Amino acid sequence: MKQRENQLDKIEHIEKFINKFKANAKRATMVQSRVKAIERMDVADDVFQDPDVCFNFPDPEDIGASVMRLDEANIGYGEGEPILRQVNINVDLDTRIALIGPNGAGKSTVVKALCGKLDISEGTRTLNGKCRVGIFTQHHTDNLDLKLTALEAMIKKFPDFKPVEALRAHLGSFGMTGQLALRPMYLLSGGQKSRVSFAMITFEKPHVLMLDEPTNHLDYDAINALIVGLNNFGGGLVVVSHDEYFLSALCDKLYLVQNGRVKAYNGDLKDYRKMVTKELGY
């Protein structure tokens, strides 16, 4: 911003000289020299102040008590041994579940099985036919076409939706207002790209949000804004995260995914941390 201000001040000073002497034949060479100097100047881009961070999740309509559940489900890939056995988990519009456990234990596998993206070999899966699911993965922003603006990305994803102003208003509810929505996404920060991703997965008002490491790329203020937005969300929530602060502020039920099992955890995150540090010998 300071660089741009200095450059604009310099241009204003030069333009005063040009306007003063442009009709003076004796100064013609000097005037032309200064005109070319302005043309050669590479003025820094204007800086758009990032608005106060906000996440406003649209509430879905009520579809009844039964939304999605797994009963005695064996979950895996192909015909090999299941990754997880006898999984029992129920999700409704009031659910606030955190899936905890070591990396590679199968937390993301539970998410895929719940929303029907992964077959189960035994047991049953119940999925309400009216249920819309919004899935945010830790690599979600990698799938964005960074050459597009946030608004262009929304138009591409929802080509039949009119008016375009509604798409822009939805981006605005996630802090992508004004010029931010019109800048190529390769110029956006990681947190701003995350907000674009949130806007894209929530435009159709999902009944359940499944979030896999959603706080990656978010700073402290953005994490707090996300907590506020999710606490005001009127649908179900399933979260995979290692962020104890984030989970403690959102979730009222923990499921431990470990050693091929998924079980309700009778304790809080502090208890879980103590258990893990003890197992590691700290």
Protein backbone atom coordinates (compact mmCIF):
# COMPACT_ATOMS: atom_id res chain seq x y z
CA MET A 1 0.00 0.00 0.00
CA LYS A 2 2.86 2.34 0.84
CA GLN A 3 4.60 1.57 -2.44
CA ARG A 4 1.42 2.32 -4.38
CA GLU A 5 0.87 5.60 -2.52
CA ASN A 6 4.45 6.72 -3.28
CA GLN A 7 4.08 5.83 -6.95
CA LEU A 8 0.77 7.68 -7.29
CA ASP A 9 2.25 10.75 -5.55
CA LYS A 10 5.17 10.69 -7.99
CA ILE A 11 2.82 10.39 -10.97
CA GLU A 12 0.73 13.31 -9.68
CA HIS A 13 3.88 15.43 -9.32
CA ILE A 14 5.03 14.59 -12.86
CA GLU A 15 1.57 15.26 -14.31
CA LYS A 16 1.57 18.74 -12.78
CA PHE A 17 4.82 19.47 -14.66
CA ILE A 18 3.37 18.06 -17.91
CA ASN A 19 0.17 20.11 -17.63
CA LYS A 20 2.13 23.25 -16.80
CA PHE A 21 4.57 23.07 -19.71
CA LYS A 22 2.81 21.00 -22.40
CA ALA A 23 2.14 24.15 -24.47
CA ASN A 24 5.71 25.43 -24.09
CA ALA A 25 7.76 24.52 -27.19
CA LYS A 26 11.05 25.01 -25.36
CA ARG A 27 10.07 22.37 -22.80
CA ALA A 28 8.61 19.87 -25.31
CA THR A 29 11.48 17.41 -24.97
CA MET A 30 11.27 17.46 -21.18
CA VAL A 31 7.48 17.02 -21.30
CA GLN A 32 7.75 14.02 -23.64
CA SER A 33 10.44 12.50 -21.42
CA ARG A 34 8.14 12.71 -18.42
CA VAL A 35 5.17 11.28 -20.34
CA LYS A 36 7.30 8.25 -21.24
CA ALA A 37 8.47 7.97 -17.63
CA ILE A 38 4.85 7.63 -16.48
CA GLU A 39 4.17 5.01 -19.18
CA ARG A 40 7.15 2.96 -18.00
CA MET A 41 6.11 2.98 -14.34
CA ASP A 42 4.81 -0.36 -13.07
CA VAL A 43 2.28 0.81 -10.49
CA ALA A 44 1.58 -1.67 -7.70
CA ASP A 45 -1.89 -3.21 -7.72
CA ASP A 46 -4.53 -1.77 -5.45
CA VAL A 47 -4.79 -3.60 -2.13
CA PHE A 48 -8.21 -4.88 -1.13
CA GLN A 49 -8.72 -5.05 2.60
CA ASP A 50 -9.88 -8.52 3.60
CA PRO A 51 -13.28 -8.11 5.28
CA ASP A 52 -14.01 -9.34 8.77
CA VAL A 53 -13.95 -13.12 8.57
CA CYS A 54 -17.39 -14.68 8.54
CA PHE A 55 -18.96 -18.06 7.88
CA ASN A 56 -22.74 -18.02 7.54
CA PHE A 57 -24.03 -21.53 6.83
CA PRO A 58 -27.54 -21.75 5.35
CA ASP A 59 -29.96 -23.89 7.31
CA PRO A 60 -31.57 -26.88 5.56
CA GLU A 61 -35.23 -27.86 5.73
CA ASP A 62 -36.33 -30.54 8.18
CA ILE A 63 -36.36 -34.08 6.71
CA GLY A 64 -37.25 -36.05 9.82
CA ALA A 65 -35.31 -37.81 12.54
CA SER A 66 -33.61 -40.47 10.41
CA VAL A 67 -30.85 -38.98 8.23
CA MET A 68 -27.96 -41.47 7.95
CA ARG A 69 -26.75 -44.41 10.01
CA LEU A 70 -24.56 -47.51 9.96
CA ASP A 71 -25.56 -50.66 11.83
CA GLU A 72 -23.04 -53.47 12.37
CA ALA A 73 -21.33 -52.34 9.17
CA ASN A 74 -18.08 -53.79 7.84
CA ILE A 75 -16.32 -51.18 5.72
CA GLY A 76 -13.50 -51.66 3.25
CA TYR A 77 -12.36 -51.49 -0.36
CA GLY A 78 -13.05 -54.31 -2.79
CA GLU A 79 -13.33 -57.89 -1.63
CA GLY A 80 -10.39 -57.86 0.78
CA GLU A 81 -10.48 -57.73 4.54
CA PRO A 82 -12.58 -54.82 5.86
CA ILE A 83 -10.77 -51.83 7.30
CA LEU A 84 -13.43 -51.33 9.98
CA ARG A 85 -15.76 -53.92 11.53
CA GLN A 86 -19.20 -53.74 13.14
CA VAL A 87 -19.52 -49.98 12.96
CA ASN A 88 -22.59 -48.45 14.61
CA ILE A 89 -23.08 -44.73 14.21
CA ASN A 90 -26.13 -42.51 13.77
CA VAL A 91 -26.28 -38.99 12.32
CA ASP A 92 -29.28 -36.66 12.46
CA LEU A 93 -29.80 -32.91 12.17
CA ASP A 94 -28.78 -32.39 15.81
CA THR A 95 -25.57 -34.45 15.58
CA ARG A 96 -22.25 -32.91 16.59
CA ILE A 97 -19.78 -35.78 16.24
CA ALA A 98 -15.97 -35.71 16.25
CA LEU A 99 -14.07 -38.70 14.83
CA ILE A 100 -10.77 -39.04 16.69
CA GLY A 101 -7.92 -41.50 16.40
CA PRO A 102 -4.46 -41.96 14.89
CA ASN A 103 -3.68 -41.13 11.27
CA GLY A 104 -4.55 -43.97 8.92
CA ALA A 105 -7.01 -45.59 11.33
CA GLY A 106 -9.98 -45.06 8.99
CA LYS A 107 -11.66 -41.79 10.03
CA SER A 108 -12.10 -40.64 6.43
CA THR A 109 -13.35 -44.15 5.60
CA VAL A 110 -16.18 -43.72 8.11
CA VAL A 111 -17.17 -40.44 6.44
CA LYS A 112 -17.25 -42.04 2.99
CA ALA A 113 -19.30 -45.00 4.22
CA LEU A 114 -21.84 -42.81 6.01
CA CYS A 115 -22.63 -40.69 2.98
CA GLY A 116 -22.71 -43.61 0.54
CA LYS A 117 -19.42 -43.02 -1.27
CA LEU A 118 -18.02 -46.37 -0.06
CA ASP A 119 -19.81 -49.72 -0.05
CA ILE A 120 -20.22 -51.80 3.06
CA SER A 121 -19.70 -55.57 2.88
CA GLU A 122 -21.91 -56.51 5.85
CA GLY A 123 -24.47 -54.82 8.05
CA THR A 124 -26.80 -52.06 6.90
CA ARG A 125 -26.59 -48.44 5.89
CA THR A 126 -29.61 -46.15 6.08
CA LEU A 127 -29.49 -42.92 4.09
CA ASN A 128 -32.48 -40.59 3.84
CA GLY A 129 -33.22 -40.04 0.16
CA LYS A 130 -33.81 -36.33 0.78
CA CYS A 131 -30.51 -35.85 2.58
CA ARG A 132 -27.98 -33.49 1.00
CA VAL A 133 -24.40 -33.79 2.25
CA GLY A 134 -21.67 -31.18 2.08
CA ILE A 135 -18.18 -32.71 2.22
CA PHE A 136 -15.08 -30.62 2.90
CA THR A 137 -11.79 -32.51 2.67
CA GLN A 138 -8.35 -31.28 3.69
CA HIS A 139 -7.42 -31.29 -0.03
CA HIS A 140 -10.61 -29.58 -1.20
CA THR A 141 -8.86 -26.38 -2.26
CA ASP A 142 -6.49 -28.40 -4.47
CA ASN A 143 -9.45 -29.10 -6.74
CA LEU A 144 -10.17 -25.42 -7.39
CA ASP A 145 -9.34 -24.02 -10.84
CA LEU A 146 -7.12 -21.19 -9.65
CA LYS A 147 -7.30 -19.37 -12.99
CA LEU A 148 -10.96 -18.63 -12.27
CA THR A 149 -12.36 -16.06 -9.89
CA ALA A 150 -14.47 -17.26 -6.98
CA LEU A 151 -17.61 -16.06 -8.78
CA GLU A 152 -16.61 -17.82 -12.02
CA ALA A 153 -16.01 -21.04 -10.06
CA MET A 154 -19.51 -20.80 -8.58
CA ILE A 155 -21.05 -20.15 -12.01
CA LYS A 156 -19.17 -23.13 -13.45
CA LYS A 157 -20.38 -25.42 -10.64
CA PHE A 158 -23.98 -24.17 -10.82
CA PRO A 159 -24.38 -23.20 -14.53
CA ASP A 160 -28.17 -23.37 -14.54
CA PHE A 161 -28.70 -21.22 -11.48
CA LYS A 162 -29.99 -17.69 -11.94
CA PRO A 163 -29.60 -14.93 -10.96
CA VAL A 164 -25.82 -14.68 -10.71
CA GLU A 165 -26.26 -12.11 -7.95
CA ALA A 166 -27.47 -14.89 -5.64
CA LEU A 167 -24.19 -16.77 -6.18
CA ARG A 168 -22.25 -13.64 -5.38
CA ALA A 169 -24.37 -13.00 -2.27
CA HIS A 170 -23.65 -16.56 -1.09
CA LEU A 171 -19.91 -15.98 -1.53
CA GLY A 172 -20.36 -12.80 0.49
CA SER A 173 -21.82 -14.79 3.38
CA PHE A 174 -18.40 -16.45 3.66
CA GLY A 175 -16.47 -13.19 3.55
CA MET A 176 -15.75 -13.27 -0.19
CA THR A 177 -17.24 -9.86 -0.86
CA GLY A 178 -16.58 -7.11 -3.40
CA GLN A 179 -13.34 -7.39 -5.33
CA LEU A 180 -12.27 -10.57 -3.51
CA ALA A 181 -14.94 -12.51 -5.41
CA LEU A 182 -13.60 -11.12 -8.71
CA ARG A 183 -9.90 -11.83 -8.26
CA PRO A 184 -8.27 -14.92 -9.81
CA MET A 185 -8.04 -17.49 -7.04
CA TYR A 186 -4.29 -17.92 -7.46
CA LEU A 187 -4.07 -14.48 -5.83
CA LEU A 188 -6.08 -15.57 -2.79
CA SER A 189 -4.65 -16.80 0.49
CA GLY A 190 -5.12 -20.37 1.66
CA GLY A 191 -7.81 -19.23 4.10
CA GLN A 192 -9.68 -17.34 1.38
CA LYS A 193 -9.61 -20.41 -0.88
CA SER A 194 -11.03 -22.45 2.00
CA ARG A 195 -13.89 -19.98 2.26
CA VAL A 196 -14.59 -20.38 -1.46
CA SER A 197 -14.69 -24.15 -0.94
CA PHE A 198 -17.11 -23.78 1.98
CA ALA A 199 -19.33 -21.55 -0.15
CA MET A 200 -19.37 -24.13 -2.95
CA ILE A 201 -20.30 -27.12 -0.76
CA THR A 202 -23.03 -25.25 1.13
CA PHE A 203 -24.86 -23.44 -1.68
CA GLU A 204 -27.45 -26.21 -1.96
CA LYS A 205 -28.15 -26.13 1.81
CA PRO A 206 -26.80 -29.53 2.92
CA HIS A 207 -28.49 -31.28 5.83
CA VAL A 208 -25.18 -32.69 7.07
CA LEU A 209 -21.68 -31.22 6.85
CA MET A 210 -18.73 -33.62 6.93
CA LEU A 211 -15.50 -31.78 7.52
CA ASP A 212 -12.07 -33.37 7.23
CA GLU A 213 -9.38 -31.11 8.78
CA PRO A 214 -11.32 -27.90 8.00
CA THR A 215 -8.99 -25.63 9.99
CA ASN A 216 -6.00 -26.18 7.71
CA HIS A 217 -4.93 -22.81 6.24
CA LEU A 218 -7.13 -20.87 8.68
CA ASP A 219 -5.69 -18.42 11.18
CA TYR A 220 -6.96 -18.01 14.74
CA ASP A 221 -9.60 -15.41 13.88
CA ALA A 222 -10.90 -17.49 10.97
CA ILE A 223 -11.07 -20.62 13.14
CA ASN A 224 -13.15 -18.74 15.70
CA ALA A 225 -15.41 -17.40 12.96
CA LEU A 226 -15.84 -20.94 11.63
CA ILE A 227 -16.76 -22.16 15.12
CA VAL A 228 -19.43 -19.45 15.43
CA GLY A 229 -20.82 -20.27 11.97
CA LEU A 230 -20.99 -24.01 12.63
CA ASN A 231 -22.55 -23.56 16.07
CA ASN A 232 -25.33 -21.59 14.34
CA PHE A 233 -25.74 -24.20 11.59
CA GLY A 234 -29.09 -25.99 11.73
CA GLY A 235 -27.93 -29.33 10.35
CA GLY A 236 -25.80 -32.29 11.42
CA LEU A 237 -22.04 -32.15 11.75
CA VAL A 238 -19.32 -34.81 11.53
CA VAL A 239 -15.76 -33.54 11.99
CA VAL A 240 -12.35 -35.14 11.53
CA SER A 241 -9.68 -32.93 13.07
CA HIS A 242 -6.61 -32.90 15.32
CA ASP A 243 -7.45 -29.38 16.52
CA GLU A 244 -8.50 -29.88 20.16
CA TYR A 245 -9.60 -26.26 20.55
CA PHE A 246 -11.84 -26.48 17.48
CA LEU A 247 -13.42 -29.82 18.42
CA SER A 248 -14.02 -28.81 22.04
CA ALA A 249 -15.97 -25.75 20.92
CA LEU A 250 -18.21 -27.71 18.53
CA CYS A 251 -18.71 -31.38 19.26
CA ASP A 252 -20.62 -33.07 22.07
CA LYS A 253 -19.89 -36.68 21.14
CA LEU A 254 -16.58 -38.41 20.35
CA TYR A 255 -16.07 -41.61 18.36
CA LEU A 256 -12.66 -43.25 18.59
CA VAL A 257 -11.48 -44.91 15.36
CA GLN A 258 -8.70 -47.34 16.21
CA ASN A 259 -7.59 -50.91 15.55
CA GLY A 260 -10.38 -51.58 13.05
CA ARG A 261 -13.18 -50.44 15.36
CA VAL A 262 -15.33 -47.35 15.81
CA LYS A 263 -16.58 -46.85 19.35
CA ALA A 264 -18.22 -44.05 21.31
CA TYR A 265 -15.51 -42.59 23.54
CA ASN A 266 -16.48 -42.15 27.19
CA GLY A 267 -14.44 -39.09 28.01
CA ASP A 268 -13.45 -35.70 26.63
CA LEU A 269 -10.54 -34.60 24.46
CA LYS A 270 -8.30 -34.02 27.47
CA ASP A 271 -8.88 -37.61 28.55
CA TYR A 272 -8.06 -38.78 25.05
CA ARG A 273 -4.85 -36.73 24.96
CA LYS A 274 -3.77 -38.21 28.30
CA MET A 275 -4.47 -41.71 26.97
CA VAL A 276 -2.43 -41.11 23.82
CA THR A 277 0.56 -39.58 25.65
CA LYS A 278 0.52 -42.49 28.10
CA GLU A 279 0.51 -45.02 25.24
CA LEU A 280 3.44 -43.20 23.67
CA GLY A 281 5.35 -43.29 26.93
CA TYR A 282 5.48 -39.53 27.55
